[in-house]
PDB file of all heavy atoms in Angstrom:
ATOM      1  N   HIS A   1       0.820  -1.208   0.042  1.00  0.00           N
ATOM      2  CA  HIS A   1       0.029   0.031   0.013  1.00  0.00           C
ATOM      3  C   HIS A   1       0.867   1.266   0.010  1.00  0.00           C
ATOM      4  O   HIS A   1       0.488   2.257  -0.637  1.00  0.00           O
ATOM      5  CB  HIS A   1      -0.965  -0.019   1.156  1.00  0.00           C
ATOM      6  CG  HIS A   1      -0.390   0.346   2.522  1.00  0.00           C
ATOM      7  ND1 HIS A   1       0.264  -0.609   3.328  1.00  0.00           N
ATOM      8  CD2 HIS A   1      -0.215   1.538   3.124  1.00  0.00           C
ATOM      9  CE1 HIS A   1       0.705   0.024   4.425  1.00  0.00           C
ATOM     10  NE2 HIS A   1       0.432   1.321   4.313  1.00  0.00           N
ATOM     11  N   ILE A   2       1.981   1.262   0.713  1.00  0.00           N
ATOM     12  CA  ILE A   2       2.817   2.479   0.758  1.00  0.00           C
ATOM     13  C   ILE A   2       3.572   2.687  -0.506  1.00  0.00           C
ATOM     14  O   ILE A   2       3.869   3.774  -0.938  1.00  0.00           O
ATOM     15  CB  ILE A   2       3.749   2.475   2.045  1.00  0.00           C
ATOM     16  CG1 ILE A   2       4.188   3.838   2.401  1.00  0.00           C
ATOM     17  CG2 ILE A   2       4.858   1.518   1.921  1.00  0.00           C
ATOM     18  CD1 ILE A   2       3.054   4.868   2.701  1.00  0.00           C
ATOM     19  N   VAL A   3       3.979   1.534  -1.152  1.00  0.00           N
ATOM     20  CA  VAL A   3       4.675   1.688  -2.513  1.00  0.00           C
ATOM     21  C   VAL A   3       3.707   2.286  -3.479  1.00  0.00           C
ATOM     22  O   VAL A   3       4.104   3.221  -4.217  1.00  0.00           O
ATOM     23  CB  VAL A   3       5.175   0.386  -2.918  1.00  0.00           C
ATOM     24  CG1 VAL A   3       5.804   0.414  -4.316  1.00  0.00           C
ATOM     25  CG2 VAL A   3       6.280  -0.206  -2.017  1.00  0.00           C
ATOM     26  N   ILE A   4       2.474   1.823  -3.490  1.00  0.00           N
ATOM     27  CA  ILE A   4       1.463   2.342  -4.427  1.00  0.00           C
ATOM     28  C   ILE A   4       1.162   3.866  -4.140  1.00  0.00           C
ATOM     29  O   ILE A   4       1.105   4.628  -5.076  1.00  0.00           O
ATOM     30  CB  ILE A   4       0.194   1.511  -4.434  1.00  0.00           C
ATOM     31  CG1 ILE A   4       0.500   0.100  -4.978  1.00  0.00           C
ATOM     32  CG2 ILE A   4      -0.917   2.199  -5.252  1.00  0.00           C
ATOM     33  CD1 ILE A   4      -0.720  -0.870  -4.839  1.00  0.00           C
ATOM     34  N   ALA A   5       1.051   4.169  -2.893  1.00  0.00           N
ATOM     35  CA  ALA A   5       0.754   5.513  -2.507  1.00  0.00           C
ATOM     36  C   ALA A   5       1.960   6.415  -2.897  1.00  0.00           C
ATOM     37  O   ALA A   5       1.721   7.560  -3.398  1.00  0.00           O
ATOM     38  CB  ALA A   5       0.593   5.688  -0.967  1.00  0.00           C
ATOM     39  N   SER A   6       3.149   5.905  -2.807  1.00  0.00           N
ATOM     40  CA  SER A   6       4.344   6.685  -3.190  1.00  0.00           C
ATOM     41  C   SER A   6       4.395   6.880  -4.687  1.00  0.00           C
ATOM     42  O   SER A   6       4.750   7.921  -5.248  1.00  0.00           O
ATOM     43  CB  SER A   6       5.616   5.948  -2.730  1.00  0.00           C
ATOM     44  OG  SER A   6       5.607   5.855  -1.307  1.00  0.00           O
ATOM     45  N   LEU A   7       3.999   5.864  -5.434  1.00  0.00           N
ATOM     46  CA  LEU A   7       3.947   5.993  -6.876  1.00  0.00           C
ATOM     47  C   LEU A   7       2.869   7.040  -7.359  1.00  0.00           C
ATOM     48  O   LEU A   7       3.198   7.729  -8.339  1.00  0.00           O
ATOM     49  CB  LEU A   7       3.606   4.589  -7.502  1.00  0.00           C
ATOM     50  CG  LEU A   7       3.524   4.547  -9.026  1.00  0.00           C
ATOM     51  CD1 LEU A   7       4.889   4.791  -9.665  1.00  0.00           C
ATOM     52  CD2 LEU A   7       2.942   3.203  -9.476  1.00  0.00           C
ATOM     53  N   LEU A   8       1.728   7.048  -6.724  1.00  0.00           N
ATOM     54  CA  LEU A   8       0.618   7.868  -7.158  1.00  0.00           C
ATOM     55  C   LEU A   8       0.459   9.136  -6.392  1.00  0.00           C
ATOM     56  O   LEU A   8      -0.543   9.876  -6.615  1.00  0.00           O
ATOM     57  CB  LEU A   8      -0.675   6.968  -7.119  1.00  0.00           C
ATOM     58  CG  LEU A   8      -0.636   5.710  -7.813  1.00  0.00           C
ATOM     59  CD1 LEU A   8      -1.979   5.046  -7.630  1.00  0.00           C
ATOM     60  CD2 LEU A   8      -0.479   5.946  -9.350  1.00  0.00           C
ATOM     61  N   HIS A   9       1.358   9.439  -5.508  1.00  0.00           N
ATOM     62  CA  HIS A   9       1.136  10.599  -4.558  1.00  0.00           C
ATOM     63  C   HIS A   9       0.967  11.943  -5.242  1.00  0.00           C
ATOM     64  O   HIS A   9       0.185  12.748  -4.779  1.00  0.00           O
ATOM     65  CB  HIS A   9       2.261  10.719  -3.549  1.00  0.00           C
ATOM     66  CG  HIS A   9       3.526  11.254  -4.065  1.00  0.00           C
ATOM     67  ND1 HIS A   9       4.379  10.532  -4.870  1.00  0.00           N
ATOM     68  CD2 HIS A   9       4.096  12.496  -3.928  1.00  0.00           C
ATOM     69  CE1 HIS A   9       5.388  11.239  -5.183  1.00  0.00           C
ATOM     70  NE2 HIS A   9       5.247  12.498  -4.644  1.00  0.00           N
ATOM     71  N   ASP A  10       1.508  12.157  -6.430  1.00  0.00           N
ATOM     72  CA  ASP A  10       1.356  13.438  -7.146  1.00  0.00           C
ATOM     73  C   ASP A  10       0.494  13.358  -8.361  1.00  0.00           C
ATOM     74  O   ASP A  10       0.525  14.312  -9.190  1.00  0.00           O
ATOM     75  CB  ASP A  10       2.765  13.939  -7.510  1.00  0.00           C
ATOM     76  CG  ASP A  10       3.402  14.775  -6.375  1.00  0.00           C
ATOM     77  OD1 ASP A  10       2.666  15.126  -5.420  1.00  0.00           O
ATOM     78  OD2 ASP A  10       4.627  15.124  -6.501  1.00  0.00           O
ATOM     79  N   ILE A  11      -0.349  12.360  -8.453  1.00  0.00           N
ATOM     80  CA  ILE A  11      -1.179  12.271  -9.682  1.00  0.00           C
ATOM     81  C   ILE A  11      -2.183  13.436  -9.675  1.00  0.00           C
ATOM     82  O   ILE A  11      -2.651  13.783 -10.794  1.00  0.00           O
ATOM     83  CB  ILE A  11      -1.976  10.964  -9.647  1.00  0.00           C
ATOM     84  CG1 ILE A  11      -2.492  10.705 -11.065  1.00  0.00           C
ATOM     85  CG2 ILE A  11      -3.078  10.881  -8.574  1.00  0.00           C
ATOM     86  CD1 ILE A  11      -3.071   9.278 -11.260  1.00  0.00           C
ATOM     87  N   GLY A  12      -2.387  14.105  -8.558  1.00  0.00           N
ATOM     88  CA  GLY A  12      -3.222  15.263  -8.578  1.00  0.00           C
ATOM     89  C   GLY A  12      -2.723  16.392  -9.485  1.00  0.00           C
ATOM     90  O   GLY A  12      -3.363  17.074 -10.112  1.00  0.00           O
ATOM     91  N   HIS A  13      -1.341  16.511  -9.495  1.00  0.00           N
ATOM     92  CA  HIS A  13      -0.669  17.552 -10.314  1.00  0.00           C
ATOM     93  C   HIS A  13      -1.031  17.220 -11.845  1.00  0.00           C
ATOM     94  O   HIS A  13      -1.314  18.106 -12.637  1.00  0.00           O
ATOM     95  CB  HIS A  13       0.822  17.422 -10.246  1.00  0.00           C
ATOM     96  CG  HIS A  13       1.381  18.114  -9.006  1.00  0.00           C
ATOM     97  ND1 HIS A  13       0.956  19.303  -8.523  1.00  0.00           N
ATOM     98  CD2 HIS A  13       2.261  17.688  -8.119  1.00  0.00           C
ATOM     99  CE1 HIS A  13       1.566  19.615  -7.408  1.00  0.00           C
ATOM    100  NE2 HIS A  13       2.430  18.657  -7.149  1.00  0.00           N
ATOM    101  N   LEU A  14      -0.996  15.874 -12.129  1.00  0.00           N
ATOM    102  CA  LEU A  14      -1.296  15.529 -13.574  1.00  0.00           C
ATOM    103  C   LEU A  14      -2.784  15.725 -13.946  1.00  0.00           C
ATOM    104  O   LEU A  14      -3.082  16.130 -15.036  1.00  0.00           O
ATOM    105  CB  LEU A  14      -0.916  14.021 -13.761  1.00  0.00           C
ATOM    106  CG  LEU A  14       0.534  13.548 -13.387  1.00  0.00           C
ATOM    107  CD1 LEU A  14       0.767  12.171 -13.723  1.00  0.00           C
ATOM    108  CD2 LEU A  14       1.558  14.477 -13.932  1.00  0.00           C
ATOM    109  N   LEU A  15      -3.646  15.384 -13.005  1.00  0.00           N
ATOM    110  CA  LEU A  15      -5.096  15.533 -13.315  1.00  0.00           C
ATOM    111  C   LEU A  15      -5.476  16.998 -13.600  1.00  0.00           C
ATOM    112  O   LEU A  15      -6.431  17.208 -14.302  1.00  0.00           O
ATOM    113  CB  LEU A  15      -5.877  15.024 -12.098  1.00  0.00           C
ATOM    114  CG  LEU A  15      -5.794  13.490 -11.909  1.00  0.00           C
ATOM    115  CD1 LEU A  15      -6.379  13.066 -10.572  1.00  0.00           C
ATOM    116  CD2 LEU A  15      -6.556  12.761 -13.066  1.00  0.00           C
ATOM    117  N   ILE A  16      -4.782  17.965 -12.964  1.00  0.00           N
ATOM    118  CA  ILE A  16      -5.160  19.293 -13.182  1.00  0.00           C
ATOM    119  C   ILE A  16      -4.138  20.051 -14.006  1.00  0.00           C
ATOM    120  O   ILE A  16      -4.121  21.295 -14.045  1.00  0.00           O
ATOM    121  CB  ILE A  16      -5.376  20.052 -11.879  1.00  0.00           C
ATOM    122  CG1 ILE A  16      -4.140  19.932 -10.927  1.00  0.00           C
ATOM    123  CG2 ILE A  16      -6.609  19.540 -11.073  1.00  0.00           C
ATOM    124  CD1 ILE A  16      -4.271  20.834  -9.683  1.00  0.00           C
ATOM    125  N   ASP A  17      -3.203  19.324 -14.629  1.00  0.00           N
ATOM    126  CA  ASP A  17      -2.211  19.847 -15.587  1.00  0.00           C
ATOM    127  C   ASP A  17      -1.410  20.915 -14.848  1.00  0.00           C
ATOM    128  O   ASP A  17      -1.116  22.004 -15.349  1.00  0.00           O
ATOM    129  CB  ASP A  17      -2.874  20.407 -16.787  1.00  0.00           C
ATOM    130  CG  ASP A  17      -1.900  20.778 -17.964  1.00  0.00           C
ATOM    131  OD1 ASP A  17      -0.877  20.077 -17.985  1.00  0.00           O
ATOM    132  OD2 ASP A  17      -2.198  21.698 -18.791  1.00  0.00           O
ATOM    133  N   GLU A  18      -0.917  20.521 -13.690  1.00  0.00           N
ATOM    134  CA  GLU A  18      -0.130  21.472 -12.883  1.00  0.00           C
ATOM    135  C   GLU A  18       1.325  21.047 -12.992  1.00  0.00           C
ATOM    136  O   GLU A  18       1.734  19.990 -12.476  1.00  0.00           O
ATOM    137  CB  GLU A  18      -0.584  21.404 -11.397  1.00  0.00           C
ATOM    138  CG  GLU A  18      -0.001  22.412 -10.528  1.00  0.00           C
ATOM    139  CD  GLU A  18      -0.479  22.316  -9.054  1.00  0.00           C
ATOM    140  OE1 GLU A  18      -0.873  21.230  -8.683  1.00  0.00           O
ATOM    141  OE2 GLU A  18      -0.312  23.348  -8.363  1.00  0.00           O
ATOM    142  N   ASN A  19       2.147  21.841 -13.565  1.00  0.00           N
ATOM    143  CA  ASN A  19       3.604  21.492 -13.763  1.00  0.00           C
ATOM    144  C   ASN A  19       4.381  22.694 -13.959  1.00  0.00           C
ATOM    145  O   ASN A  19       3.995  23.850 -13.914  1.00  0.00           O
ATOM    146  CB  ASN A  19       3.692  20.567 -15.040  1.00  0.00           C
ATOM    147  CG  ASN A  19       3.113  21.211 -16.271  1.00  0.00           C
ATOM    148  OD1 ASN A  19       3.711  22.157 -16.819  1.00  0.00           O
ATOM    149  ND2 ASN A  19       1.902  20.768 -16.733  1.00  0.00           N
ATOM    150  N   ASP A  20       5.738  22.431 -14.088  1.00  0.00           N
ATOM    151  CA  ASP A  20       6.726  23.500 -14.069  1.00  0.00           C
ATOM    152  C   ASP A  20       6.596  24.494 -15.266  1.00  0.00           C
ATOM    153  O   ASP A  20       7.233  25.600 -15.256  1.00  0.00           O
ATOM    154  CB  ASP A  20       8.163  22.901 -13.993  1.00  0.00           C
ATOM    155  CG  ASP A  20       9.189  23.910 -13.678  1.00  0.00           C
ATOM    156  OD1 ASP A  20       9.013  24.688 -12.702  1.00  0.00           O
ATOM    157  OD2 ASP A  20      10.205  23.890 -14.352  1.00  0.00           O
ATOM    158  N   SER A  21       5.953  24.083 -16.284  1.00  0.00           N
ATOM    159  CA  SER A  21       5.800  24.885 -17.496  1.00  0.00           C
ATOM    160  C   SER A  21       4.831  26.095 -17.216  1.00  0.00           C
ATOM    161  O   SER A  21       4.813  27.028 -18.031  1.00  0.00           O
ATOM    162  CB  SER A  21       5.320  24.109 -18.768  1.00  0.00           C
ATOM    163  OG  SER A  21       4.000  23.701 -18.525  1.00  0.00           O
ATOM    164  N   LYS A  22       4.017  25.891 -16.169  1.00  0.00           N
ATOM    165  CA  LYS A  22       3.024  26.973 -15.831  1.00  0.00           C
ATOM    166  C   LYS A  22       3.687  28.081 -15.029  1.00  0.00           C
ATOM    167  O   LYS A  22       4.400  27.803 -14.108  1.00  0.00           O
ATOM    168  CB  LYS A  22       1.846  26.395 -15.098  1.00  0.00           C
ATOM    169  CG  LYS A  22       1.273  25.148 -15.686  1.00  0.00           C
ATOM    170  CD  LYS A  22       0.564  25.450 -16.974  1.00  0.00           C
ATOM    171  CE  LYS A  22      -0.112  24.076 -17.522  1.00  0.00           C
ATOM    172  NZ  LYS A  22      -0.804  24.375 -18.850  1.00  0.00           N
ATOM    173  N   ASN A  23       3.342  29.290 -15.319  1.00  0.00           N
ATOM    174  CA  ASN A  23       3.972  30.441 -14.607  1.00  0.00           C
ATOM    175  C   ASN A  23       3.604  30.465 -13.166  1.00  0.00           C
ATOM    176  O   ASN A  23       4.346  30.986 -12.332  1.00  0.00           O
ATOM    177  CB  ASN A  23       3.568  31.687 -15.308  1.00  0.00           C
ATOM    178  CG  ASN A  23       4.201  31.922 -16.714  1.00  0.00           C
ATOM    179  OD1 ASN A  23       5.330  31.384 -16.915  1.00  0.00           O
ATOM    180  ND2 ASN A  23       3.537  32.649 -17.581  1.00  0.00           N
ATOM    181  N   ASP A  24       2.451  29.844 -12.871  1.00  0.00           N
ATOM    182  CA  ASP A  24       1.949  29.912 -11.457  1.00  0.00           C
ATOM    183  C   ASP A  24       2.207  28.624 -10.732  1.00  0.00           C
ATOM    184  O   ASP A  24       1.655  28.433  -9.596  1.00  0.00           O
ATOM    185  CB  ASP A  24       0.501  30.331 -11.397  1.00  0.00           C
ATOM    186  CG  ASP A  24      -0.374  29.321 -12.129  1.00  0.00           C
ATOM    187  OD1 ASP A  24       0.161  28.460 -12.829  1.00  0.00           O
ATOM    188  OD2 ASP A  24      -1.657  29.427 -12.026  1.00  0.00           O
ATOM    189  N   PHE A  25       3.016  27.719 -11.264  1.00  0.00           N
ATOM    190  CA  PHE A  25       3.234  26.448 -10.675  1.00  0.00           C
ATOM    191  C   PHE A  25       3.850  26.569  -9.271  1.00  0.00           C
ATOM    192  O   PHE A  25       4.882  27.298  -9.141  1.00  0.00           O
ATOM    193  CB  PHE A  25       4.100  25.500 -11.537  1.00  0.00           C
ATOM    194  CG  PHE A  25       4.299  24.197 -10.963  1.00  0.00           C
ATOM    195  CD1 PHE A  25       3.285  23.390 -10.557  1.00  0.00           C
ATOM    196  CD2 PHE A  25       5.625  23.594 -10.898  1.00  0.00           C
ATOM    197  CE1 PHE A  25       3.496  22.114 -10.060  1.00  0.00           C
ATOM    198  CE2 PHE A  25       5.857  22.418 -10.404  1.00  0.00           C
ATOM    199  CZ  PHE A  25       4.784  21.590  -9.985  1.00  0.00           C
ATOM    200  N   LEU A  26       3.182  26.066  -8.228  1.00  0.00           N
ATOM    201  CA  LEU A  26       3.613  26.096  -6.828  1.00  0.00           C
ATOM    202  C   LEU A  26       3.527  27.478  -6.236  1.00  0.00           C
ATOM    203  O   LEU A  26       4.182  27.767  -5.260  1.00  0.00           O
ATOM    204  CB  LEU A  26       5.001  25.446  -6.669  1.00  0.00           C
ATOM    205  CG  LEU A  26       5.100  23.967  -7.095  1.00  0.00           C
ATOM    206  CD1 LEU A  26       6.546  23.502  -6.839  1.00  0.00           C
ATOM    207  CD2 LEU A  26       4.117  23.086  -6.399  1.00  0.00           C
TER     208      LEU A  26
END
C-alpha cells in the first residue's frame, strides 16, 4: 500500500495539468 501511495502521490498534479511549465506552478 505504501509503495502504491508513493507511486501515485502526485497524480493530482497531472489531473489538473499542474507542472513547471506553468507560470503559477507552486
